[in-house]
Protein backbone atom coordinates (compact mmCIF):
# COMPACT_ATOMS: atom_id res chain seq x y z
CA MET A 1 108.52 111.11 102.32
CA ILE A 2 107.29 110.97 105.94
CA GLN A 3 105.22 113.96 106.97
CA GLU A 4 105.78 115.47 110.43
CA GLN A 5 102.72 115.58 112.68
CA PRO A 6 103.67 117.64 115.73
CA ASN A 7 100.06 118.02 116.94
CA ASN A 8 99.18 114.32 116.66
CA PRO A 9 99.68 112.66 120.08
CA LEU A 10 99.69 109.21 118.44
CA HIS A 11 102.36 110.00 115.85
CA GLY A 12 105.05 107.33 115.93
CA ILE A 13 103.17 105.07 118.36
CA THR A 14 102.13 101.66 117.10
CA LEU A 15 98.77 100.09 117.86
CA GLU A 16 100.62 97.22 119.55
CA LYS A 17 102.36 99.67 121.91
CA ILE A 18 99.01 101.31 122.69
CA ILE A 19 97.42 97.97 123.59
CA ASN A 20 100.42 96.85 125.66
CA THR A 21 100.46 100.16 127.55
CA LEU A 22 96.74 99.99 128.31
CA VAL A 23 96.94 96.34 129.42
CA GLU A 24 99.91 97.16 131.65
CA HIS A 25 98.06 100.12 133.18
CA TYR A 26 94.53 98.67 133.50
CA GLY A 27 94.80 94.91 132.99
CA TRP A 28 92.53 93.00 130.60
CA LYS A 29 89.57 92.92 133.01
CA GLU A 30 89.34 96.67 133.58
CA LEU A 31 90.19 97.42 129.95
CA GLY A 32 87.27 95.20 128.94
CA GLU A 33 85.01 97.10 131.33
CA ARG A 34 86.10 100.47 129.98
CA ILE A 35 85.80 99.43 126.32
CA THR A 36 83.28 96.64 125.88
CA ILE A 37 84.58 94.65 122.94
CA ARG A 38 84.93 90.88 122.76
CA CYS A 39 88.67 90.85 122.07
CA PHE A 40 89.23 92.42 125.53
CA ASN A 41 86.72 90.23 127.39
CA ASP A 42 86.74 86.78 125.77
CA ASN A 43 90.15 85.07 125.93
CA PRO A 44 92.03 88.36 125.40
CA SER A 45 95.42 88.60 123.73
CA VAL A 46 97.43 91.30 122.03
CA LYS A 47 97.32 89.35 118.75
CA SER A 48 93.51 89.02 118.67
CA SER A 49 93.09 92.64 119.73
CA LEU A 50 95.39 93.86 116.96
CA LYS A 51 93.52 91.81 114.37
CA PHE A 52 90.14 93.16 115.47
CA LEU A 53 91.17 96.79 115.95
CA ARG A 54 92.88 96.99 112.55
CA LYS A 55 89.58 96.01 110.90
CA THR A 56 87.22 98.02 113.13
CA PRO A 57 87.72 101.80 113.04
CA TRP A 58 85.13 102.68 115.72
CA ALA A 59 86.79 100.34 118.23
CA ARG A 60 90.27 101.57 117.35
CA ASP A 61 89.09 105.16 117.89
CA LYS A 62 87.89 104.25 121.40
CA VAL A 63 91.17 102.51 122.23
CA GLU A 64 93.24 105.45 120.95
CA ALA A 65 91.08 107.94 122.88
CA LEU A 66 91.52 105.94 126.10
CA TYR A 67 95.28 105.78 125.50
CA ILE A 68 95.48 109.57 125.04
CA THR A 69 93.38 110.17 128.16
CA THR A 70 95.47 107.71 130.17
CA GLN A 71 98.76 109.22 129.00
CA ASN A 72 97.54 112.75 129.79
CA SER A 73 96.54 111.73 133.32
CA VAL A 74 99.88 109.94 133.88
CA TRP A 75 101.88 112.93 132.60
CA LYS A 76 100.03 115.38 134.87
CA LYS A 77 101.06 113.45 138.02
């Protein structure tokens, strides 16, 4: 049974959607400057980013935090 998570801003949002949203908003270059990880700076792609972020919790945490911050700033406009 799926548990509701009303206070989780990432509930129902896939990692792929998060990456696509950030790339659309910042572009790979700025995203790589904001979060310095190789998959954003060296021949970046959604596929390589997904592979890395699924195996690396600290990097995924940074990406999710940037997504939440970005969404909050977009919603406040």
